[in-house]
Full PDB file with SEQRES, HELIX, SHEET, SSBOND, CRYST1, ORIGX, SCALE, CONECT and MASTER records, all heavy atoms in Angstrom:
SEQRES   1 A   38  LEU SER ARG ARG ALA ARG LEU VAL CYS ALA LEU ALA LEU          
SEQRES   2 A   38  PRO ARG LEU ARG PRO THR LEU LYS THR MET ALA LYS ARG          
SEQRES   3 A   38  LEU PRO ALA ALA TRP VAL ARG ARG TRP LEU LYS VAL              
HELIX    1 AA1 ARG A    3  LEU A   11  1                                   9    
HELIX    2 AA2 LEU A   13  LYS A   25  1                                  13    
HELIX    3 AA3 ALA A   29  LYS A   37  1                                   9    
CRYST1    1.000    1.000    1.000  90.00  90.00  90.00 P 1           1          
ORIGX1      1.000000  0.000000  0.000000        0.00000                         
ORIGX2      0.000000  1.000000  0.000000        0.00000                         
ORIGX3      0.000000  0.000000  1.000000        0.00000                         
SCALE1      1.000000  0.000000  0.000000        0.00000                         
SCALE2      0.000000  1.000000  0.000000        0.00000                         
SCALE3      0.000000  0.000000  1.000000        0.00000                         
ATOM      1  N   LEU A   1      13.775 -23.475  -1.900  1.00  0.00           N  
ATOM      2  CA  LEU A   1      14.299 -24.641  -2.599  1.00  0.00           C  
ATOM      3  C   LEU A   1      15.715 -24.313  -3.138  1.00  0.00           C  
ATOM      4  O   LEU A   1      16.251 -25.211  -3.721  1.00  0.00           O  
ATOM      5  CB  LEU A   1      13.396 -25.192  -3.599  1.00  0.00           C  
ATOM      6  CG  LEU A   1      11.988 -25.601  -3.106  1.00  0.00           C  
ATOM      7  CD1 LEU A   1      11.144 -25.942  -4.349  1.00  0.00           C  
ATOM      8  CD2 LEU A   1      12.046 -26.799  -2.133  1.00  0.00           C  
ATOM      9  N   SER A   2      16.104 -23.054  -3.088  1.00  0.00           N  
ATOM     10  CA  SER A   2      17.370 -22.599  -3.669  1.00  0.00           C  
ATOM     11  C   SER A   2      17.999 -21.591  -2.764  1.00  0.00           C  
ATOM     12  O   SER A   2      17.358 -21.055  -1.832  1.00  0.00           O  
ATOM     13  CB  SER A   2      17.167 -22.015  -5.091  1.00  0.00           C  
ATOM     14  OG  SER A   2      16.557 -20.754  -5.027  1.00  0.00           O  
ATOM     15  N   ARG A   3      19.238 -21.386  -2.974  1.00  0.00           N  
ATOM     16  CA  ARG A   3      19.974 -20.360  -2.103  1.00  0.00           C  
ATOM     17  C   ARG A   3      19.398 -18.908  -2.189  1.00  0.00           C  
ATOM     18  O   ARG A   3      19.214 -18.271  -1.264  1.00  0.00           O  
ATOM     19  CB  ARG A   3      21.488 -20.334  -2.471  1.00  0.00           C  
ATOM     20  CG  ARG A   3      22.313 -19.391  -1.595  1.00  0.00           C  
ATOM     21  CD  ARG A   3      23.785 -19.511  -2.003  1.00  0.00           C  
ATOM     22  NE  ARG A   3      24.291 -20.881  -1.757  1.00  0.00           N  
ATOM     23  CZ  ARG A   3      25.552 -21.200  -2.018  1.00  0.00           C  
ATOM     24  NH1 ARG A   3      26.396 -20.292  -2.524  1.00  0.00           N  
ATOM     25  NH2 ARG A   3      25.963 -22.407  -1.798  1.00  0.00           N  
ATOM     26  N   ARG A   4      19.132 -18.509  -3.401  1.00  0.00           N  
ATOM     27  CA  ARG A   4      18.513 -17.237  -3.532  1.00  0.00           C  
ATOM     28  C   ARG A   4      17.147 -17.057  -3.022  1.00  0.00           C  
ATOM     29  O   ARG A   4      16.758 -15.932  -2.495  1.00  0.00           O  
ATOM     30  CB  ARG A   4      18.638 -16.708  -5.045  1.00  0.00           C  
ATOM     31  CG  ARG A   4      17.764 -17.546  -6.006  1.00  0.00           C  
ATOM     32  CD  ARG A   4      17.832 -16.909  -7.327  1.00  0.00           C  
ATOM     33  NE  ARG A   4      17.183 -17.743  -8.319  1.00  0.00           N  
ATOM     34  CZ  ARG A   4      16.887 -17.318  -9.576  1.00  0.00           C  
ATOM     35  NH1 ARG A   4      17.290 -16.095  -9.970  1.00  0.00           N  
ATOM     36  NH2 ARG A   4      16.379 -18.077 -10.488  1.00  0.00           N  
ATOM     37  N   ALA A   5      16.377 -18.125  -2.996  1.00  0.00           N  
ATOM     38  CA  ALA A   5      15.142 -18.072  -2.415  1.00  0.00           C  
ATOM     39  C   ALA A   5      15.189 -18.007  -0.884  1.00  0.00           C  
ATOM     40  O   ALA A   5      14.439 -17.339  -0.254  1.00  0.00           O  
ATOM     41  CB  ALA A   5      14.206 -19.348  -2.849  1.00  0.00           C  
ATOM     42  N   ARG A   6      16.205 -18.737  -0.390  1.00  0.00           N  
ATOM     43  CA  ARG A   6      16.409 -18.632   1.109  1.00  0.00           C  
ATOM     44  C   ARG A   6      16.795 -17.236   1.528  1.00  0.00           C  
ATOM     45  O   ARG A   6      16.250 -16.747   2.596  1.00  0.00           O  
ATOM     46  CB  ARG A   6      17.430 -19.556   1.485  1.00  0.00           C  
ATOM     47  CG  ARG A   6      17.113 -21.034   1.582  1.00  0.00           C  
ATOM     48  CD  ARG A   6      18.079 -21.958   2.201  1.00  0.00           C  
ATOM     49  NE  ARG A   6      19.191 -22.059   1.356  1.00  0.00           N  
ATOM     50  CZ  ARG A   6      19.244 -23.108   0.538  1.00  0.00           C  
ATOM     51  NH1 ARG A   6      18.301 -23.964   0.378  1.00  0.00           N  
ATOM     52  NH2 ARG A   6      20.381 -23.215  -0.211  1.00  0.00           N  
ATOM     53  N   LEU A   7      17.514 -16.468   0.639  1.00  0.00           N  
ATOM     54  CA  LEU A   7      17.819 -15.130   0.945  1.00  0.00           C  
ATOM     55  C   LEU A   7      16.576 -14.194   0.861  1.00  0.00           C  
ATOM     56  O   LEU A   7      16.369 -13.378   1.755  1.00  0.00           O  
ATOM     57  CB  LEU A   7      18.841 -14.635  -0.050  1.00  0.00           C  
ATOM     58  CG  LEU A   7      19.382 -13.165   0.100  1.00  0.00           C  
ATOM     59  CD1 LEU A   7      20.000 -13.026   1.563  1.00  0.00           C  
ATOM     60  CD2 LEU A   7      20.286 -12.791  -1.046  1.00  0.00           C  
ATOM     61  N   VAL A   8      15.832 -14.428  -0.154  1.00  0.00           N  
ATOM     62  CA  VAL A   8      14.518 -13.714  -0.262  1.00  0.00           C  
ATOM     63  C   VAL A   8      13.606 -13.946   0.890  1.00  0.00           C  
ATOM     64  O   VAL A   8      13.063 -12.931   1.474  1.00  0.00           O  
ATOM     65  CB  VAL A   8      13.861 -13.990  -1.610  1.00  0.00           C  
ATOM     66  CG1 VAL A   8      12.408 -13.348  -1.572  1.00  0.00           C  
ATOM     67  CG2 VAL A   8      14.619 -13.531  -2.812  1.00  0.00           C  
ATOM     68  N   CYS A   9      13.512 -15.164   1.307  1.00  0.00           N  
ATOM     69  CA  CYS A   9      12.633 -15.501   2.430  1.00  0.00           C  
ATOM     70  C   CYS A   9      13.100 -14.878   3.665  1.00  0.00           C  
ATOM     71  O   CYS A   9      12.263 -14.317   4.495  1.00  0.00           O  
ATOM     72  CB  CYS A   9      12.568 -17.035   2.634  1.00  0.00           C  
ATOM     73  SG  CYS A   9      11.561 -17.878   1.371  1.00  0.00           S  
ATOM     74  N   ALA A  10      14.408 -14.890   3.911  1.00  0.00           N  
ATOM     75  CA  ALA A  10      14.929 -14.376   5.159  1.00  0.00           C  
ATOM     76  C   ALA A  10      14.702 -12.813   5.237  1.00  0.00           C  
ATOM     77  O   ALA A  10      14.444 -12.262   6.302  1.00  0.00           O  
ATOM     78  CB  ALA A  10      16.461 -14.659   5.324  1.00  0.00           C  
ATOM     79  N   LEU A  11      14.823 -12.137   3.999  1.00  0.00           N  
ATOM     80  CA  LEU A  11      14.754 -10.694   4.096  1.00  0.00           C  
ATOM     81  C   LEU A  11      13.359 -10.092   3.881  1.00  0.00           C  
ATOM     82  O   LEU A  11      13.089  -9.028   4.483  1.00  0.00           O  
ATOM     83  CB  LEU A  11      15.724 -10.152   2.956  1.00  0.00           C  
ATOM     84  CG  LEU A  11      17.206 -10.374   3.113  1.00  0.00           C  
ATOM     85  CD1 LEU A  11      18.019  -9.824   1.914  1.00  0.00           C  
ATOM     86  CD2 LEU A  11      17.765  -9.904   4.431  1.00  0.00           C  
ATOM     87  N   ALA A  12      12.453 -10.686   3.152  1.00  0.00           N  
ATOM     88  CA  ALA A  12      11.329 -10.058   2.642  1.00  0.00           C  
ATOM     89  C   ALA A  12       9.997 -10.742   3.113  1.00  0.00           C  
ATOM     90  O   ALA A  12       9.107 -10.108   3.577  1.00  0.00           O  
ATOM     91  CB  ALA A  12      11.300  -9.885   1.107  1.00  0.00           C  
ATOM     92  N   LEU A  13       9.822 -12.079   2.749  1.00  0.00           N  
ATOM     93  CA  LEU A  13       8.474 -12.654   2.838  1.00  0.00           C  
ATOM     94  C   LEU A  13       7.814 -12.613   4.181  1.00  0.00           C  
ATOM     95  O   LEU A  13       6.655 -12.405   4.198  1.00  0.00           O  
ATOM     96  CB  LEU A  13       8.635 -14.148   2.384  1.00  0.00           C  
ATOM     97  CG  LEU A  13       8.722 -14.364   0.841  1.00  0.00           C  
ATOM     98  CD1 LEU A  13       8.788 -15.780   0.543  1.00  0.00           C  
ATOM     99  CD2 LEU A  13       7.503 -13.773   0.168  1.00  0.00           C  
ATOM    100  N   PRO A  14       8.532 -12.677   5.316  1.00  0.00           N  
ATOM    101  CA  PRO A  14       7.769 -12.679   6.550  1.00  0.00           C  
ATOM    102  C   PRO A  14       6.989 -11.395   6.754  1.00  0.00           C  
ATOM    103  O   PRO A  14       6.070 -11.283   7.542  1.00  0.00           O  
ATOM    104  CB  PRO A  14       8.866 -12.841   7.675  1.00  0.00           C  
ATOM    105  CG  PRO A  14      10.050 -13.477   6.865  1.00  0.00           C  
ATOM    106  CD  PRO A  14       9.960 -12.813   5.461  1.00  0.00           C  
ATOM    107  N   ARG A  15       7.500 -10.354   6.137  1.00  0.00           N  
ATOM    108  CA  ARG A  15       6.913  -8.956   6.406  1.00  0.00           C  
ATOM    109  C   ARG A  15       6.058  -8.403   5.214  1.00  0.00           C  
ATOM    110  O   ARG A  15       5.170  -7.624   5.384  1.00  0.00           O  
ATOM    111  CB  ARG A  15       8.011  -7.981   6.743  1.00  0.00           C  
ATOM    112  CG  ARG A  15       8.840  -8.397   7.862  1.00  0.00           C  
ATOM    113  CD  ARG A  15      10.123  -7.469   8.067  1.00  0.00           C  
ATOM    114  NE  ARG A  15      10.911  -7.841   9.164  1.00  0.00           N  
ATOM    115  CZ  ARG A  15      11.956  -8.810   8.984  1.00  0.00           C  
ATOM    116  NH1 ARG A  15      12.147  -9.342   7.759  1.00  0.00           N  
ATOM    117  NH2 ARG A  15      12.649  -9.186  10.013  1.00  0.00           N  
ATOM    118  N   LEU A  16       6.378  -8.838   4.007  1.00  0.00           N  
ATOM    119  CA  LEU A  16       5.899  -8.244   2.841  1.00  0.00           C  
ATOM    120  C   LEU A  16       4.326  -8.439   2.757  1.00  0.00           C  
ATOM    121  O   LEU A  16       3.626  -7.450   2.629  1.00  0.00           O  
ATOM    122  CB  LEU A  16       6.552  -8.764   1.556  1.00  0.00           C  
ATOM    123  CG  LEU A  16       6.044  -8.215   0.223  1.00  0.00           C  
ATOM    124  CD1 LEU A  16       6.314  -6.655   0.202  1.00  0.00           C  
ATOM    125  CD2 LEU A  16       6.745  -8.794  -0.985  1.00  0.00           C  
ATOM    126  N   ARG A  17       3.855  -9.635   2.731  1.00  0.00           N  
ATOM    127  CA  ARG A  17       2.451  -9.844   2.436  1.00  0.00           C  
ATOM    128  C   ARG A  17       1.559  -9.273   3.619  1.00  0.00           C  
ATOM    129  O   ARG A  17       0.569  -8.522   3.357  1.00  0.00           O  
ATOM    130  CB  ARG A  17       2.127 -11.400   2.362  1.00  0.00           C  
ATOM    131  CG  ARG A  17       0.642 -11.559   2.044  1.00  0.00           C  
ATOM    132  CD  ARG A  17       0.359 -13.078   1.704  1.00  0.00           C  
ATOM    133  NE  ARG A  17       1.057 -13.423   0.521  1.00  0.00           N  
ATOM    134  CZ  ARG A  17       1.360 -14.683   0.129  1.00  0.00           C  
ATOM    135  NH1 ARG A  17       1.104 -15.630   1.039  1.00  0.00           N  
ATOM    136  NH2 ARG A  17       1.892 -14.923  -0.965  1.00  0.00           N  
ATOM    137  N   PRO A  18       1.920  -9.462   4.932  1.00  0.00           N  
ATOM    138  CA  PRO A  18       1.068  -8.843   5.962  1.00  0.00           C  
ATOM    139  C   PRO A  18       1.103  -7.295   5.780  1.00  0.00           C  
ATOM    140  O   PRO A  18       0.099  -6.652   6.111  1.00  0.00           O  
ATOM    141  CB  PRO A  18       1.729  -9.359   7.218  1.00  0.00           C  
ATOM    142  CG  PRO A  18       2.395 -10.626   6.883  1.00  0.00           C  
ATOM    143  CD  PRO A  18       2.876 -10.376   5.459  1.00  0.00           C  
ATOM    144  N   THR A  19       2.264  -6.681   5.440  1.00  0.00           N  
ATOM    145  CA  THR A  19       2.346  -5.313   5.250  1.00  0.00           C  
ATOM    146  C   THR A  19       1.453  -4.736   4.173  1.00  0.00           C  
ATOM    147  O   THR A  19       0.705  -3.753   4.318  1.00  0.00           O  
ATOM    148  CB  THR A  19       3.756  -4.838   4.996  1.00  0.00           C  
ATOM    149  OG1 THR A  19       4.597  -5.255   6.151  1.00  0.00           O  
ATOM    150  CG2 THR A  19       3.896  -3.420   4.844  1.00  0.00           C  
ATOM    151  N   LEU A  20       1.464  -5.511   3.052  1.00  0.00           N  
ATOM    152  CA  LEU A  20       0.616  -5.099   1.951  1.00  0.00           C  
ATOM    153  C   LEU A  20      -0.878  -5.199   2.413  1.00  0.00           C  
ATOM    154  O   LEU A  20      -1.743  -4.314   1.945  1.00  0.00           O  
ATOM    155  CB  LEU A  20       0.913  -6.019   0.732  1.00  0.00           C  
ATOM    156  CG  LEU A  20       2.238  -5.751   0.018  1.00  0.00           C  
ATOM    157  CD1 LEU A  20       2.472  -6.792  -1.060  1.00  0.00           C  
ATOM    158  CD2 LEU A  20       2.448  -4.298  -0.466  1.00  0.00           C  
ATOM    159  N   LYS A  21      -1.211  -6.237   3.100  1.00  0.00           N  
ATOM    160  CA  LYS A  21      -2.649  -6.379   3.460  1.00  0.00           C  
ATOM    161  C   LYS A  21      -3.078  -5.257   4.390  1.00  0.00           C  
ATOM    162  O   LYS A  21      -4.148  -4.744   4.311  1.00  0.00           O  
ATOM    163  CB  LYS A  21      -2.905  -7.741   4.126  1.00  0.00           C  
ATOM    164  CG  LYS A  21      -2.862  -8.931   3.118  1.00  0.00           C  
ATOM    165  CD  LYS A  21      -3.367 -10.149   3.876  1.00  0.00           C  
ATOM    166  CE  LYS A  21      -3.545 -11.267   2.822  1.00  0.00           C  
ATOM    167  NZ  LYS A  21      -4.107 -12.467   3.319  1.00  0.00           N  
ATOM    168  N   THR A  22      -2.111  -4.892   5.312  1.00  0.00           N  
ATOM    169  CA  THR A  22      -2.514  -3.812   6.253  1.00  0.00           C  
ATOM    170  C   THR A  22      -2.639  -2.493   5.484  1.00  0.00           C  
ATOM    171  O   THR A  22      -3.554  -1.737   5.730  1.00  0.00           O  
ATOM    172  CB  THR A  22      -1.324  -3.587   7.281  1.00  0.00           C  
ATOM    173  OG1 THR A  22      -1.257  -4.875   7.960  1.00  0.00           O  
ATOM    174  CG2 THR A  22      -1.642  -2.529   8.212  1.00  0.00           C  
ATOM    175  N   MET A  23      -1.771  -2.227   4.562  1.00  0.00           N  
ATOM    176  CA  MET A  23      -1.867  -1.078   3.701  1.00  0.00           C  
ATOM    177  C   MET A  23      -3.129  -1.018   2.912  1.00  0.00           C  
ATOM    178  O   MET A  23      -3.825   0.028   2.852  1.00  0.00           O  
ATOM    179  CB  MET A  23      -0.658  -0.947   2.680  1.00  0.00           C  
ATOM    180  CG  MET A  23       0.614  -0.636   3.384  1.00  0.00           C  
ATOM    181  SD  MET A  23       2.049  -0.810   2.168  1.00  0.00           S  
ATOM    182  CE  MET A  23       1.612   0.463   1.073  1.00  0.00           C  
ATOM    183  N   ALA A  24      -3.577  -2.168   2.393  1.00  0.00           N  
ATOM    184  CA  ALA A  24      -4.798  -2.239   1.609  1.00  0.00           C  
ATOM    185  C   ALA A  24      -5.975  -1.903   2.494  1.00  0.00           C  
ATOM    186  O   ALA A  24      -6.913  -1.180   2.066  1.00  0.00           O  
ATOM    187  CB  ALA A  24      -4.985  -3.592   0.995  1.00  0.00           C  
ATOM    188  N   LYS A  25      -6.031  -2.314   3.641  1.00  0.00           N  
ATOM    189  CA  LYS A  25      -7.200  -2.088   4.688  1.00  0.00           C  
ATOM    190  C   LYS A  25      -7.212  -0.563   4.980  1.00  0.00           C  
ATOM    191  O   LYS A  25      -8.322  -0.121   5.353  1.00  0.00           O  
ATOM    192  CB  LYS A  25      -7.002  -2.950   5.819  1.00  0.00           C  
ATOM    193  CG  LYS A  25      -7.244  -4.326   5.608  1.00  0.00           C  
ATOM    194  CD  LYS A  25      -7.121  -5.221   6.928  1.00  0.00           C  
ATOM    195  CE  LYS A  25      -7.327  -6.668   6.694  1.00  0.00           C  
ATOM    196  NZ  LYS A  25      -7.111  -7.461   7.931  1.00  0.00           N  
ATOM    197  N   ARG A  26      -6.065   0.061   4.936  1.00  0.00           N  
ATOM    198  CA  ARG A  26      -6.094   1.441   5.309  1.00  0.00           C  
ATOM    199  C   ARG A  26      -6.342   2.509   4.159  1.00  0.00           C  
ATOM    200  O   ARG A  26      -6.279   3.726   4.415  1.00  0.00           O  
ATOM    201  CB  ARG A  26      -4.740   1.858   5.987  1.00  0.00           C  
ATOM    202  CG  ARG A  26      -4.582   1.162   7.321  1.00  0.00           C  
ATOM    203  CD  ARG A  26      -3.151   1.432   7.918  1.00  0.00           C  
ATOM    204  NE  ARG A  26      -3.096   0.676   9.212  1.00  0.00           N  
ATOM    205  CZ  ARG A  26      -1.959   0.655   9.930  1.00  0.00           C  
ATOM    206  NH1 ARG A  26      -0.914   1.247   9.549  1.00  0.00           N  
ATOM    207  NH2 ARG A  26      -1.876  -0.001  11.119  1.00  0.00           N  
ATOM    208  N   LEU A  27      -6.479   1.961   2.953  1.00  0.00           N  
ATOM    209  CA  LEU A  27      -6.748   2.837   1.788  1.00  0.00           C  
ATOM    210  C   LEU A  27      -8.022   3.483   1.957  1.00  0.00           C  
ATOM    211  O   LEU A  27      -9.043   2.964   2.420  1.00  0.00           O  
ATOM    212  CB  LEU A  27      -6.797   2.010   0.437  1.00  0.00           C  
ATOM    213  CG  LEU A  27      -5.429   1.512   0.039  1.00  0.00           C  
ATOM    214  CD1 LEU A  27      -5.614   0.612  -1.212  1.00  0.00           C  
ATOM    215  CD2 LEU A  27      -4.477   2.670  -0.361  1.00  0.00           C  
ATOM    216  N   PRO A  28      -8.212   4.853   1.617  1.00  0.00           N  
ATOM    217  CA  PRO A  28      -9.432   5.480   1.679  1.00  0.00           C  
ATOM    218  C   PRO A  28     -10.474   4.850   0.808  1.00  0.00           C  
ATOM    219  O   PRO A  28     -10.230   4.367  -0.250  1.00  0.00           O  
ATOM    220  CB  PRO A  28      -9.099   6.894   1.082  1.00  0.00           C  
ATOM    221  CG  PRO A  28      -7.605   7.078   1.260  1.00  0.00           C  
ATOM    222  CD  PRO A  28      -7.058   5.630   1.089  1.00  0.00           C  
ATOM    223  N   ALA A  29     -11.689   4.774   1.322  1.00  0.00           N  
ATOM    224  CA  ALA A  29     -12.753   4.059   0.608  1.00  0.00           C  
ATOM    225  C   ALA A  29     -13.002   4.610  -0.772  1.00  0.00           C  
ATOM    226  O   ALA A  29     -13.358   3.908  -1.698  1.00  0.00           O  
ATOM    227  CB  ALA A  29     -14.131   4.243   1.439  1.00  0.00           C  
ATOM    228  N   ALA A  30     -12.941   5.934  -0.959  1.00  0.00           N  
ATOM    229  CA  ALA A  30     -13.066   6.527  -2.374  1.00  0.00           C  
ATOM    230  C   ALA A  30     -12.011   5.973  -3.251  1.00  0.00           C  
ATOM    231  O   ALA A  30     -12.358   5.830  -4.411  1.00  0.00           O  
ATOM    232  CB  ALA A  30     -13.029   8.071  -2.197  1.00  0.00           C  
ATOM    233  N   TRP A  31     -10.790   5.841  -2.873  1.00  0.00           N  
ATOM    234  CA  TRP A  31      -9.843   5.269  -3.798  1.00  0.00           C  
ATOM    235  C   TRP A  31     -10.156   3.846  -4.145  1.00  0.00           C  
ATOM    236  O   TRP A  31     -10.011   3.445  -5.358  1.00  0.00           O  
ATOM    237  CB  TRP A  31      -8.390   5.217  -3.021  1.00  0.00           C  
ATOM    238  CG  TRP A  31      -7.891   6.588  -2.846  1.00  0.00           C  
ATOM    239  CD1 TRP A  31      -8.480   7.765  -2.905  1.00  0.00           C  
ATOM    240  CD2 TRP A  31      -6.497   6.881  -2.400  1.00  0.00           C  
ATOM    241  NE1 TRP A  31      -7.622   8.795  -2.582  1.00  0.00           N  
ATOM    242  CE2 TRP A  31      -6.401   8.287  -2.238  1.00  0.00           C  
ATOM    243  CE3 TRP A  31      -5.403   6.108  -2.042  1.00  0.00           C  
ATOM    244  CZ2 TRP A  31      -5.237   8.939  -1.838  1.00  0.00           C  
ATOM    245  CZ3 TRP A  31      -4.245   6.790  -1.681  1.00  0.00           C  
ATOM    246  CH2 TRP A  31      -4.196   8.061  -1.574  1.00  0.00           C  
ATOM    247  N   VAL A  32     -10.650   3.066  -3.217  1.00  0.00           N  
ATOM    248  CA  VAL A  32     -11.019   1.631  -3.499  1.00  0.00           C  
ATOM    249  C   VAL A  32     -12.161   1.595  -4.450  1.00  0.00           C  
ATOM    250  O   VAL A  32     -12.079   0.831  -5.461  1.00  0.00           O  
ATOM    251  CB  VAL A  32     -11.369   0.958  -2.213  1.00  0.00           C  
ATOM    252  CG1 VAL A  32     -11.951  -0.424  -2.489  1.00  0.00           C  
ATOM    253  CG2 VAL A  32     -10.236   0.857  -1.254  1.00  0.00           C  
ATOM    254  N   ARG A  33     -13.139   2.464  -4.320  1.00  0.00           N  
ATOM    255  CA  ARG A  33     -14.309   2.447  -5.261  1.00  0.00           C  
ATOM    256  C   ARG A  33     -13.830   2.851  -6.612  1.00  0.00           C  
ATOM    257  O   ARG A  33     -14.298   2.261  -7.643  1.00  0.00           O  
ATOM    258  CB  ARG A  33     -15.350   3.422  -4.715  1.00  0.00           C  
ATOM    259  CG  ARG A  33     -16.183   2.802  -3.550  1.00  0.00           C  
ATOM    260  CD  ARG A  33     -17.462   3.664  -3.269  1.00  0.00           C  
ATOM    261  NE  ARG A  33     -17.051   4.980  -2.733  1.00  0.00           N  
ATOM    262  CZ  ARG A  33     -16.931   5.161  -1.431  1.00  0.00           C  
ATOM    263  NH1 ARG A  33     -17.141   4.192  -0.580  1.00  0.00           N  
ATOM    264  NH2 ARG A  33     -16.651   6.388  -0.973  1.00  0.00           N  
ATOM    265  N   ARG A  34     -12.953   3.825  -6.754  1.00  0.00           N  
ATOM    266  CA  ARG A  34     -12.426   4.253  -7.989  1.00  0.00           C  
ATOM    267  C   ARG A  34     -11.648   3.057  -8.715  1.00  0.00           C  
ATOM    268  O   ARG A  34     -11.832   2.852  -9.917  1.00  0.00           O  
ATOM    269  CB  ARG A  34     -11.529   5.495  -7.859  1.00  0.00           C  
ATOM    270  CG  ARG A  34     -11.129   6.136  -9.189  1.00  0.00           C  
ATOM    271  CD  ARG A  34     -10.379   7.468  -8.970  1.00  0.00           C  
ATOM    272  NE  ARG A  34     -11.152   8.328  -8.132  1.00  0.00           N  
ATOM    273  CZ  ARG A  34     -10.733   8.827  -6.904  1.00  0.00           C  
ATOM    274  NH1 ARG A  34      -9.604   8.423  -6.420  1.00  0.00           N  
ATOM    275  NH2 ARG A  34     -11.493   9.736  -6.261  1.00  0.00           N  
ATOM    276  N   TRP A  35     -10.849   2.371  -7.940  1.00  0.00           N  
ATOM    277  CA  TRP A  35     -10.122   1.227  -8.505  1.00  0.00           C  
ATOM    278  C   TRP A  35     -11.005   0.155  -8.961  1.00  0.00           C  
ATOM    279  O   TRP A  35     -10.783  -0.481  -9.992  1.00  0.00           O  
ATOM    280  CB  TRP A  35      -9.096   0.698  -7.385  1.00  0.00           C  
ATOM    281  CG  TRP A  35      -8.408  -0.432  -7.893  1.00  0.00           C  
ATOM    282  CD1 TRP A  35      -7.117  -0.494  -8.559  1.00  0.00           C  
ATOM    283  CD2 TRP A  35      -8.585  -1.824  -7.599  1.00  0.00           C  
ATOM    284  NE1 TRP A  35      -6.746  -1.682  -8.825  1.00  0.00           N  
ATOM    285  CE2 TRP A  35      -7.599  -2.547  -8.299  1.00  0.00           C  
ATOM    286  CE3 TRP A  35      -9.607  -2.507  -6.958  1.00  0.00           C  
ATOM    287  CZ2 TRP A  35      -7.557  -3.974  -8.173  1.00  0.00           C  
ATOM    288  CZ3 TRP A  35      -9.616  -3.906  -6.876  1.00  0.00           C  
ATOM    289  CH2 TRP A  35      -8.599  -4.574  -7.423  1.00  0.00           C  
ATOM    290  N   LEU A  36     -12.106  -0.091  -8.243  1.00  0.00           N  
ATOM    291  CA  LEU A  36     -13.046  -1.205  -8.616  1.00  0.00           C  
ATOM    292  C   LEU A  36     -13.729  -0.863  -9.939  1.00  0.00           C  
ATOM    293  O   LEU A  36     -14.044  -1.635 -10.777  1.00  0.00           O  
ATOM    294  CB  LEU A  36     -14.021  -1.382  -7.511  1.00  0.00           C  
ATOM    295  CG  LEU A  36     -13.508  -2.094  -6.215  1.00  0.00           C  
ATOM    296  CD1 LEU A  36     -14.606  -2.033  -5.068  1.00  0.00           C  
ATOM    297  CD2 LEU A  36     -13.078  -3.472  -6.511  1.00  0.00           C  
ATOM    298  N   LYS A  37     -14.041   0.440 -10.073  1.00  0.00           N  
ATOM    299  CA  LYS A  37     -14.737   0.882 -11.303  1.00  0.00           C  
ATOM    300  C   LYS A  37     -13.764   0.676 -12.535  1.00  0.00           C  
ATOM    301  O   LYS A  37     -14.207   0.131 -13.663  1.00  0.00           O  
ATOM    302  CB  LYS A  37     -15.095   2.417 -11.268  1.00  0.00           C  
ATOM    303  CG  LYS A  37     -16.247   2.605 -10.315  1.00  0.00           C  
ATOM    304  CD  LYS A  37     -16.575   4.119 -10.351  1.00  0.00           C  
ATOM    305  CE  LYS A  37     -17.777   4.414  -9.430  1.00  0.00           C  
ATOM    306  NZ  LYS A  37     -18.158   5.855  -9.350  1.00  0.00           N  
ATOM    307  N   VAL A  38     -12.584   1.030 -12.370  1.00  0.00           N  
ATOM    308  CA  VAL A  38     -11.500   0.748 -13.396  1.00  0.00           C  
ATOM    309  C   VAL A  38     -11.396  -0.698 -13.736  1.00  0.00           C  
ATOM    310  O   VAL A  38     -11.332  -1.133 -14.848  1.00  0.00           O  
ATOM    311  CB  VAL A  38     -10.167   1.440 -13.033  1.00  0.00           C  
ATOM    312  CG1 VAL A  38      -9.049   0.995 -13.995  1.00  0.00           C  
ATOM    313  CG2 VAL A  38     -10.222   2.869 -12.953  1.00  0.00           C  
TER     314      VAL A  38                                                      
MASTER        0    0    0    3    0    0    0    6  313    1    0    3          
END                                                                             
């Protein structure tokens, strides 16, 4: 809805969330269990 948001969308949003989800799926199970305990 603004010029700076258009810039952010063009550079980051199409890749950022899918990339983060892919990274989360690849985390070692032991790390995930430790994070859940915390």
